[in-house]
Amino acid sequence: MRSILLIVLICIISSHLLAEKSAEMISRVGLDIASLVNTDKPLFLDIRTGEFSPTLERELKTHFLKRKMDLREMQSAINRIEDIDSLSLAVNTLDIRNYGLTSAMLLQVDLDITWQQTEQRKLFSYQSFRVPVYVFDIKLISLPEYRLTAIYSSSHKAEDIPNSYSGVSRLKWFEPFFATAALGSLVFLLWTTE
């Protein structure tokens, strides 16, 4: 019973630490994106970053409101759409005249996760890891003509390599031969020296 409680406690602590790391990364991403956007027009946000969407949207809104930008919310019907295709259609048919505007900017942020293979080499073994790299694609679109005015990309690599991403430690095919030759040489030297 105590071992189960210990395992549960370790899992809770590790998930909390990973959540703090991801919050720090999203805070840096929000600051990077906010520094790229400089407009005096009203701004609409379209954040499509999966599990990071609420946190990133809150970070961006905080940065934009500190800079006294004209930040607008999309109508609530658009915000309730769960299907990504319906959301794309709703954003593409966004009518800014309903907001009493003649021109505005739309900030779209998409997330793409890629994996980077890294290796740690030692004398007789190597270990390979797959590390997630978060690529945020940022588009600034001028409304109502939906003209793409700027496109940026921001990549962020996971700082720590969690054990869940780790690979297996392996020997290179030729290293056992070197080890056998070295051991044989030592045995020969000890055998022949007086």
Protein backbone atom coordinates (compact mmCIF):
# COMPACT_ATOMS: atom_id res chain seq x y z
CA MET A 1 0.00 0.00 0.00
CA ARG A 2 2.82 2.42 0.86
CA SER A 3 4.61 1.68 -2.40
CA ILE A 4 1.48 2.55 -4.37
CA LEU A 5 1.11 5.83 -2.48
CA LEU A 6 4.77 6.60 -3.11
CA ILE A 7 4.37 5.95 -6.85
CA VAL A 8 1.26 8.16 -7.01
CA LEU A 9 3.06 10.93 -5.11
CA ILE A 10 6.05 10.78 -7.47
CA CYS A 11 3.73 10.94 -10.51
CA ILE A 12 1.91 13.97 -9.12
CA ILE A 13 5.15 15.82 -8.35
CA SER A 14 6.65 15.08 -11.79
CA SER A 15 3.49 16.17 -13.61
CA HIS A 16 3.48 19.41 -11.60
CA LEU A 17 7.13 20.08 -12.54
CA LEU A 18 6.42 19.41 -16.23
CA ALA A 19 3.41 21.75 -16.09
CA GLU A 20 5.62 24.52 -14.67
CA LYS A 21 8.16 24.00 -17.49
CA SER A 22 5.43 24.23 -20.15
CA ALA A 23 4.00 27.37 -18.49
CA GLU A 24 7.44 29.00 -18.64
CA MET A 25 7.77 28.07 -22.32
CA ILE A 26 4.30 29.44 -23.15
CA SER A 27 5.16 32.66 -21.30
CA ARG A 28 8.29 33.07 -23.47
CA VAL A 29 6.31 32.26 -26.63
CA GLY A 30 3.64 34.81 -25.68
CA LEU A 31 6.28 37.48 -25.17
CA ASP A 32 7.93 36.60 -28.51
CA ILE A 33 4.63 36.78 -30.40
CA ALA A 34 3.55 40.00 -28.67
CA SER A 35 6.84 41.65 -29.62
CA LEU A 36 6.25 40.76 -33.29
CA VAL A 37 2.81 42.38 -33.45
CA ASN A 38 2.82 46.15 -33.78
CA THR A 39 -0.38 47.62 -35.14
CA ASP A 40 -2.73 50.47 -34.35
CA LYS A 41 -5.71 48.64 -35.89
CA PRO A 42 -8.12 46.55 -33.81
CA LEU A 43 -6.79 43.02 -33.33
CA PHE A 44 -8.63 39.68 -33.37
CA LEU A 45 -6.95 36.51 -32.05
CA ASP A 46 -7.25 33.04 -33.57
CA ILE A 47 -5.12 30.67 -31.45
CA ARG A 48 -4.90 27.01 -32.55
CA THR A 49 -2.23 25.49 -30.36
CA GLY A 50 -4.00 22.49 -28.85
CA GLU A 51 -3.53 22.13 -25.10
CA PHE A 52 -1.55 25.40 -24.99
CA SER A 53 -4.40 27.52 -26.47
CA PRO A 54 -5.99 28.86 -23.25
CA THR A 55 -2.65 29.66 -21.62
CA LEU A 56 -1.17 31.27 -24.75
CA GLU A 57 -4.33 33.29 -25.40
CA ARG A 58 -4.29 34.60 -21.83
CA GLU A 59 -0.58 35.53 -22.15
CA LEU A 60 -1.14 37.34 -25.44
CA LYS A 61 -4.16 39.24 -24.14
CA THR A 62 -2.18 40.31 -21.08
CA HIS A 63 0.72 41.61 -23.19
CA PHE A 64 -1.56 43.38 -25.69
CA LEU A 65 -3.66 45.03 -22.99
CA LYS A 66 -0.51 46.27 -21.22
CA ARG A 67 0.45 47.94 -24.51
CA LYS A 68 -3.06 49.51 -24.71
CA MET A 69 -3.87 47.80 -28.03
CA ASP A 70 -7.44 47.61 -29.35
CA LEU A 71 -8.08 43.92 -28.69
CA ARG A 72 -11.41 42.49 -29.90
CA GLU A 73 -13.17 39.24 -29.04
CA MET A 74 -14.77 37.19 -31.78
CA GLN A 75 -18.48 36.61 -31.45
CA SER A 76 -19.37 33.90 -28.96
CA ALA A 77 -20.77 31.58 -31.67
CA ILE A 78 -17.32 31.38 -33.26
CA ASN A 79 -15.65 30.73 -29.90
CA ARG A 80 -17.91 27.74 -29.15
CA ILE A 81 -17.08 25.86 -32.37
CA GLU A 82 -15.09 22.70 -31.59
CA ASP A 83 -14.51 21.36 -35.11
CA ILE A 84 -11.35 22.85 -36.64
CA ASP A 85 -12.85 22.95 -40.18
CA SER A 86 -15.91 24.83 -38.95
CA LEU A 87 -13.64 27.21 -37.04
CA SER A 88 -11.57 27.91 -40.16
CA LEU A 89 -14.75 28.60 -42.12
CA ALA A 90 -16.07 30.88 -39.37
CA VAL A 91 -12.81 32.84 -39.15
CA ASN A 92 -12.60 33.17 -42.93
CA THR A 93 -16.11 34.60 -43.02
CA LEU A 94 -15.49 37.03 -40.14
CA ASP A 95 -17.38 40.21 -40.98
CA ILE A 96 -15.76 43.14 -39.20
CA ARG A 97 -18.67 45.42 -40.10
CA ASN A 98 -20.63 43.66 -37.33
CA TYR A 99 -18.13 45.25 -34.93
CA GLY A 100 -18.47 48.71 -36.46
CA LEU A 101 -15.00 48.54 -38.01
CA THR A 102 -13.71 49.29 -41.48
CA SER A 103 -10.32 47.61 -41.06
CA ALA A 104 -8.69 45.29 -38.53
CA MET A 105 -5.94 42.72 -38.11
CA LEU A 106 -6.27 39.01 -37.43
CA LEU A 107 -3.49 37.20 -35.56
CA GLN A 108 -3.44 33.45 -36.26
CA VAL A 109 -1.13 31.17 -34.27
CA ASP A 110 -0.78 27.48 -35.16
CA LEU A 111 1.32 24.83 -33.43
CA ASP A 112 3.29 22.07 -35.11
CA ILE A 113 5.21 19.55 -33.02
CA THR A 114 8.28 17.98 -34.58
CA TRP A 115 10.74 15.57 -33.03
CA GLN A 116 14.49 15.99 -32.98
CA GLN A 117 16.73 12.96 -32.57
CA THR A 118 19.72 13.57 -30.30
CA GLU A 119 22.42 11.17 -29.23
CA GLN A 120 24.71 11.04 -26.22
CA ARG A 121 27.89 9.17 -27.09
CA LYS A 122 30.18 7.52 -24.60
CA LEU A 123 33.20 5.28 -25.04
CA PHE A 124 31.37 1.96 -25.28
CA SER A 125 27.76 3.00 -25.70
CA TYR A 126 25.43 5.64 -26.97
CA GLN A 127 21.93 6.69 -26.05
CA SER A 128 19.45 8.32 -28.39
CA PHE A 129 16.57 10.60 -27.41
CA ARG A 130 13.58 12.00 -29.24
CA VAL A 131 13.03 15.56 -28.04
CA PRO A 132 9.87 17.52 -28.96
CA VAL A 133 10.35 20.81 -30.78
CA TYR A 134 7.35 23.15 -30.68
CA VAL A 135 7.06 25.27 -33.84
CA PHE A 136 4.60 28.17 -33.58
CA ASP A 137 3.51 29.56 -36.97
CA ILE A 138 2.30 33.15 -36.69
CA LYS A 139 0.31 34.95 -39.39
CA LEU A 140 -0.89 38.56 -39.44
CA ILE A 141 -3.85 39.01 -41.77
CA SER A 142 -5.33 42.34 -42.77
CA LEU A 143 -9.14 42.43 -42.64
CA PRO A 144 -11.58 42.74 -44.47
CA GLU A 145 -9.59 41.74 -47.59
CA TYR A 146 -7.82 38.81 -45.82
CA ARG A 147 -4.44 39.93 -47.12
CA LEU A 148 -1.46 38.20 -45.51
CA THR A 149 0.78 40.98 -44.20
CA ALA A 150 3.37 39.04 -42.19
CA ILE A 151 4.35 35.49 -41.39
CA TYR A 152 6.71 34.36 -38.63
CA SER A 153 7.83 31.12 -37.11
CA SER A 154 9.06 30.56 -33.57
CA SER A 155 10.69 27.27 -32.50
CA HIS A 156 11.10 26.16 -28.91
CA LYS A 157 12.86 22.97 -27.91
CA ALA A 158 11.94 21.19 -24.68
CA GLU A 159 14.62 22.07 -22.12
CA ASP A 160 14.77 18.85 -20.15
CA ILE A 161 14.57 15.40 -21.63
CA PRO A 162 11.95 13.56 -19.60
CA ASN A 163 12.41 9.83 -19.07
CA SER A 164 9.36 9.14 -21.24
CA TYR A 165 11.27 10.44 -24.28
CA SER A 166 14.49 8.59 -23.54
CA GLY A 167 15.79 5.83 -25.72
CA VAL A 168 17.66 2.66 -24.91
CA SER A 169 21.38 2.64 -24.27
CA ARG A 170 23.07 0.62 -27.03
CA LEU A 171 26.53 -0.63 -27.86
CA LYS A 172 28.05 0.12 -31.24
CA TRP A 173 28.66 -3.03 -33.29
CA PHE A 174 32.46 -2.68 -33.30
CA GLU A 175 32.95 -1.73 -29.64
CA PRO A 176 32.82 -5.31 -28.27
CA PHE A 177 35.71 -6.15 -30.63
CA PHE A 178 37.78 -3.26 -29.21
CA ALA A 179 36.98 -4.32 -25.65
CA THR A 180 37.93 -7.94 -26.39
CA ALA A 181 41.18 -6.87 -28.07
CA ALA A 182 42.10 -4.60 -25.13
CA LEU A 183 41.33 -7.31 -22.59
CA GLY A 184 43.28 -9.89 -24.61
CA SER A 185 46.26 -7.54 -24.81
CA LEU A 186 46.23 -7.05 -21.03
CA VAL A 187 46.08 -10.82 -20.44
CA PHE A 188 48.93 -11.35 -22.90
CA LEU A 189 51.08 -8.63 -21.26
CA LEU A 190 50.46 -10.04 -17.78
CA TRP A 191 51.15 -13.59 -18.96
CA THR A 192 54.42 -12.81 -20.75
CA THR A 193 56.00 -10.29 -18.37
CA GLU A 194 58.04 -11.56 -15.48
